[in-house]
């Protein structure tokens, strides 16, 4: 798979409406995961803290703010290249926004991005990578694929959540420029593995510091407190 082409850009900016569904764990029985490309510019701004804030994109529904939205998950990005890989594996078409992502990118190694990496999108918007997306039942039912949570987790290319550092407007076709790459080696893919299937990797996440999603940072600190930085072998 080829990333970091000469041109890195947004293929689409995707918004979701609150839609009633029987499978969501959201108490109100609605989800905003079914996102579709917007026709024009979309305002991006910090949405507020988790549990009270929602999406960083104007007009985008985040229905369950217990687990979605908020400052550390204001924007969700997925590489078109990853969607294309899944298309080949699943034998079906996956439109931009099919994974519930706000940004479908071209040429950007989204899951290989470093925690704390900053992207300039369009002229004004500055985003910072915080973590990978953890799959849930709503995601599985939305796609209609049996065992999807396990398959998605095994692939280890979760796409990236980002926080909004500088607000503004974005639209399809806007360039994406990586303007800052931290000095550590904690990628989105590594963070995802650490919090899902390979807990012994949790101590390595501490190198990302406060740029990391606060929940992942807390898990890493708790692990080190319990087992020590090199105590993975002691874990039951």
Protein backbone atom coordinates (compact mmCIF):
# COMPACT_ATOMS: atom_id res chain seq x y z
CA UNK A 1 0.00 0.00 0.00
CA UNK A 2 1.42 3.39 -1.02
CA UNK A 3 1.03 6.51 1.09
CA UNK A 4 2.65 9.93 1.28
CA UNK A 5 2.18 10.71 -2.39
CA UNK A 6 3.18 14.08 -3.80
CA UNK A 7 -0.46 15.08 -3.37
CA UNK A 8 -2.15 14.56 0.00
CA UNK A 9 -5.73 15.76 0.12
CA UNK A 10 -9.29 15.31 1.31
CA UNK A 11 -11.43 13.27 -1.02
CA UNK A 12 -14.53 14.06 1.01
CA UNK A 13 -15.77 15.68 4.20
CA UNK A 14 -18.53 13.47 5.61
CA UNK A 15 -21.43 14.34 7.91
CA UNK A 16 -24.00 12.13 9.62
CA UNK A 17 -27.58 12.70 10.70
CA UNK A 18 -29.14 11.10 13.75
CA UNK A 19 -30.84 7.96 12.45
CA UNK A 20 -33.03 5.58 14.50
CA UNK A 21 -31.69 2.01 14.55
CA UNK A 22 -32.49 -1.03 16.71
CA UNK A 23 -28.90 -2.19 17.22
CA UNK A 24 -27.20 0.82 18.79
CA UNK A 25 -26.27 0.85 22.47
CA UNK A 26 -27.22 4.52 22.61
CA UNK A 27 -30.16 4.91 25.04
CA UNK A 28 -32.12 7.02 22.54
CA UNK A 29 -31.70 4.33 19.86
CA UNK A 30 -30.10 6.63 17.29
CA UNK A 31 -26.69 6.84 15.67
CA UNK A 32 -24.80 9.28 13.46
CA UNK A 33 -22.46 6.67 11.97
CA UNK A 34 -24.06 6.80 8.50
CA UNK A 35 -22.02 9.71 7.15
CA UNK A 36 -22.30 11.12 3.63
CA UNK A 37 -20.06 13.57 1.72
CA UNK A 38 -20.96 17.24 2.16
CA UNK A 39 -21.53 19.35 -0.94
CA UNK A 40 -19.74 22.48 0.25
CA UNK A 41 -17.48 23.86 2.95
CA UNK A 42 -17.85 22.59 6.52
CA UNK A 43 -16.94 24.52 9.66
CA UNK A 44 -14.51 22.73 12.00
CA UNK A 45 -14.05 23.81 15.63
CA UNK A 46 -13.31 22.27 19.05
CA UNK A 47 -16.54 20.61 20.26
CA UNK A 48 -15.96 20.65 24.00
CA UNK A 49 -15.04 17.92 26.47
CA UNK A 50 -15.99 14.26 26.16
CA UNK A 51 -19.40 13.53 27.60
CA UNK A 52 -20.68 17.00 26.80
CA UNK A 53 -19.15 17.89 23.44
CA UNK A 54 -20.00 16.20 20.19
CA UNK A 55 -18.47 16.40 16.71
CA UNK A 56 -15.91 18.96 15.66
CA UNK A 57 -17.74 19.38 12.34
CA UNK A 58 -20.79 21.60 12.06
CA UNK A 59 -23.85 19.62 11.02
CA UNK A 60 -22.41 16.24 12.03
CA UNK A 61 -24.40 14.20 14.54
CA UNK A 62 -22.69 12.43 17.43
CA UNK A 63 -25.49 10.73 19.33
CA UNK A 64 -23.71 8.89 22.13
CA UNK A 65 -21.39 11.38 23.78
CA UNK A 66 -20.49 8.81 26.45
CA UNK A 67 -18.06 7.21 24.00
CA UNK A 68 -17.90 9.44 20.94
CA UNK A 69 -17.03 13.03 20.18
CA UNK A 70 -15.40 15.50 22.52
CA UNK A 71 -12.09 17.29 22.27
CA UNK A 72 -9.90 14.19 21.78
CA UNK A 73 -12.25 12.66 19.21
CA UNK A 74 -13.44 15.78 17.43
CA UNK A 75 -12.64 14.48 13.94
CA UNK A 76 -12.23 10.94 12.59
CA UNK A 77 -10.13 10.29 9.48
CA UNK A 78 -9.77 7.17 7.32
CA UNK A 79 -7.46 6.66 4.35
CA UNK A 80 -9.18 5.90 1.04
CA UNK A 81 -6.40 3.38 0.50
CA UNK A 82 -7.60 1.41 3.54
CA UNK A 83 -11.18 1.47 2.29
CA UNK A 84 -9.93 0.16 -1.06
CA UNK A 85 -8.15 -2.72 0.71
CA UNK A 86 -11.33 -3.60 2.55
CA UNK A 87 -13.32 -3.41 -0.69
CA UNK A 88 -11.09 -6.08 -2.21
CA UNK A 89 -11.32 -8.27 0.89
CA UNK A 90 -15.07 -7.90 1.40
CA UNK A 91 -15.99 -7.96 -2.29
CA UNK A 92 -18.22 -4.91 -2.03
CA UNK A 93 -18.13 -1.18 -2.62
CA UNK A 94 -17.34 1.11 0.30
CA UNK A 95 -18.22 4.73 -0.38
CA UNK A 96 -16.38 7.61 1.25
CA UNK A 97 -17.80 7.86 4.76
CA UNK A 98 -18.62 4.14 4.93
CA UNK A 99 -16.68 3.70 8.17
CA UNK A 100 -18.38 6.68 9.75
CA UNK A 101 -15.33 8.83 9.12
CA UNK A 102 -15.50 12.61 8.85
CA UNK A 103 -12.49 12.85 6.55
CA UNK A 104 -11.69 10.45 3.74
CA UNK A 105 -8.09 11.15 2.77
CA UNK A 106 -5.89 10.36 -0.21
CA UNK A 107 -2.14 9.85 0.08
CA UNK A 108 -2.01 10.13 3.88
CA UNK A 109 -0.82 7.20 6.01
CA UNK A 110 -3.52 7.79 8.60
CA UNK A 111 -2.93 4.72 10.79
CA UNK A 112 0.82 5.24 10.51
CA UNK A 113 0.55 8.81 11.76
CA UNK A 114 2.33 9.65 15.00
CA UNK A 115 0.35 10.61 18.07
CA UNK A 116 0.72 14.39 18.27
CA UNK A 117 1.32 14.73 14.54
CA UNK A 118 -0.28 17.88 13.19
CA UNK A 119 -2.06 18.29 9.87
CA UNK A 120 -2.85 21.55 8.13
CA UNK A 121 -6.07 20.93 6.21
CA UNK A 122 -7.01 23.58 3.70
CA UNK A 123 -5.92 27.10 4.54
CA UNK A 124 -6.96 27.49 8.17
CA UNK A 125 -7.69 24.22 9.99
CA UNK A 126 -5.00 22.59 12.12
CA UNK A 127 -5.65 19.11 13.53
CA UNK A 128 -3.63 16.96 15.94
CA UNK A 129 -3.65 13.14 15.96
CA UNK A 130 -4.72 11.63 19.31
CA UNK A 131 -5.55 7.92 18.90
CA UNK A 132 -7.06 5.16 16.82
CA UNK A 133 -10.72 4.26 16.58
CA UNK A 134 -11.95 1.34 18.71
CA UNK A 135 -14.61 -0.68 16.83
CA UNK A 136 -17.99 -1.28 18.44
CA UNK A 137 -21.22 -3.18 17.83
CA UNK A 138 -22.80 -0.18 16.13
CA UNK A 139 -19.93 -0.15 13.59
CA UNK A 140 -20.40 -3.89 12.96
CA UNK A 141 -24.15 -3.64 12.49
CA UNK A 142 -23.79 -0.59 10.28
CA UNK A 143 -21.57 -2.55 7.88
CA UNK A 144 -23.58 -5.74 8.20
CA UNK A 145 -20.47 -7.94 8.42
CA UNK A 146 -20.40 -10.84 10.89
CA UNK A 147 -17.37 -10.81 13.16
CA UNK A 148 -16.47 -7.34 11.95
CA UNK A 149 -15.12 -6.07 15.29
CA UNK A 150 -12.57 -8.90 15.41
CA UNK A 151 -11.63 -8.56 11.73
CA UNK A 152 -11.17 -4.81 12.01
CA UNK A 153 -9.09 -5.23 15.16
CA UNK A 154 -6.85 -7.88 13.57
CA UNK A 155 -6.11 -5.61 10.60
CA UNK A 156 -4.75 -2.96 12.97
CA UNK A 157 -5.41 -0.01 10.67
CA UNK A 158 -8.09 1.84 12.66
CA UNK A 159 -7.90 5.33 11.19
CA UNK A 160 -7.19 8.30 13.42
CA UNK A 161 -9.05 10.56 15.79
CA UNK A 162 -7.88 14.16 15.84
CA UNK A 163 -8.41 17.20 18.04
CA UNK A 164 -8.93 20.67 16.62
CA UNK A 165 -6.05 23.05 17.32
CA UNK A 166 -7.06 25.86 14.95
CA UNK A 167 -10.63 26.13 13.60
CA UNK A 168 -11.80 27.06 10.14
CA UNK A 169 -13.53 25.67 7.08
CA UNK A 170 -12.63 22.63 5.00
CA UNK A 171 -14.05 21.03 1.89
CA UNK A 172 -13.43 18.12 -0.50
CA UNK A 173 -10.26 18.64 -2.49
CA UNK A 174 -8.44 20.61 0.21
CA UNK A 175 -4.74 19.77 0.57
CA UNK A 176 -3.47 18.00 3.68
CA UNK A 177 0.01 18.97 4.85
CA UNK A 178 1.87 17.37 7.75
CA UNK A 179 3.36 20.39 9.50
CA UNK A 180 4.68 18.71 12.66
CA UNK A 181 5.93 15.21 13.46
CA UNK A 182 6.93 14.47 17.08
CA UNK A 183 10.25 12.89 17.99
CA UNK A 184 8.78 9.66 19.42
CA UNK A 185 7.70 6.50 17.55
CA UNK A 186 4.16 6.05 18.89
CA UNK A 187 1.93 5.63 15.86
CA UNK A 188 -1.84 5.33 15.76
CA UNK A 189 -1.45 1.65 14.85
CA UNK A 190 0.83 1.03 17.86
CA UNK A 191 -1.55 2.83 20.21
CA UNK A 192 -4.47 0.78 18.86
CA UNK A 193 -2.65 -2.53 19.39
CA UNK A 194 -1.65 -1.48 22.91
CA UNK A 195 -5.19 -0.72 24.05
CA UNK A 196 -6.79 -3.72 22.30
CA UNK A 197 -4.77 -6.90 21.83
CA UNK A 198 -1.20 -6.23 23.03
CA UNK A 199 -1.36 -4.65 26.45
CA UNK A 200 2.36 -5.16 27.04
CA UNK A 201 2.86 -2.27 24.60
CA UNK A 202 1.08 0.20 26.88
CA UNK A 203 4.26 1.57 28.52
CA UNK A 204 5.52 2.66 25.11
CA UNK A 205 2.55 5.01 24.76
CA UNK A 206 3.87 7.26 27.52
CA UNK A 207 6.42 8.67 25.07
CA UNK A 208 3.54 10.50 23.34
CA UNK A 209 2.70 12.40 26.54
CA UNK A 210 -0.31 14.67 26.70
CA UNK A 211 -0.84 14.53 22.94
CA UNK A 212 -2.31 11.06 23.49
CA UNK A 213 -6.06 10.64 24.00
CA UNK A 214 -6.56 11.07 27.73
CA UNK A 215 -8.16 7.64 28.21
CA UNK A 216 -5.28 5.85 26.47
CA UNK A 217 -2.81 7.86 28.50
CA UNK A 218 -4.59 6.86 31.71
CA UNK A 219 -4.49 3.18 30.70
CA UNK A 220 -0.77 3.38 30.00
CA UNK A 221 -0.07 5.03 33.36
CA UNK A 222 -2.22 2.49 35.24
CA UNK A 223 -0.40 -0.38 33.54
CA UNK A 224 3.03 0.99 34.44
CA UNK A 225 1.87 1.58 38.02
CA UNK A 226 0.77 -2.04 38.28
CA UNK A 227 3.46 -3.88 36.33
CA UNK A 228 6.30 -1.42 35.83
CA UNK A 229 7.63 -0.18 32.50
CA UNK A 230 9.13 -3.59 31.70
CA UNK A 231 6.74 -5.82 33.62
CA UNK A 232 4.62 -7.20 30.80
CA UNK A 233 5.68 -10.76 31.55
CA UNK A 234 4.16 -10.48 35.01
CA UNK A 235 0.67 -9.74 33.70
CA UNK A 236 -1.76 -12.55 34.30
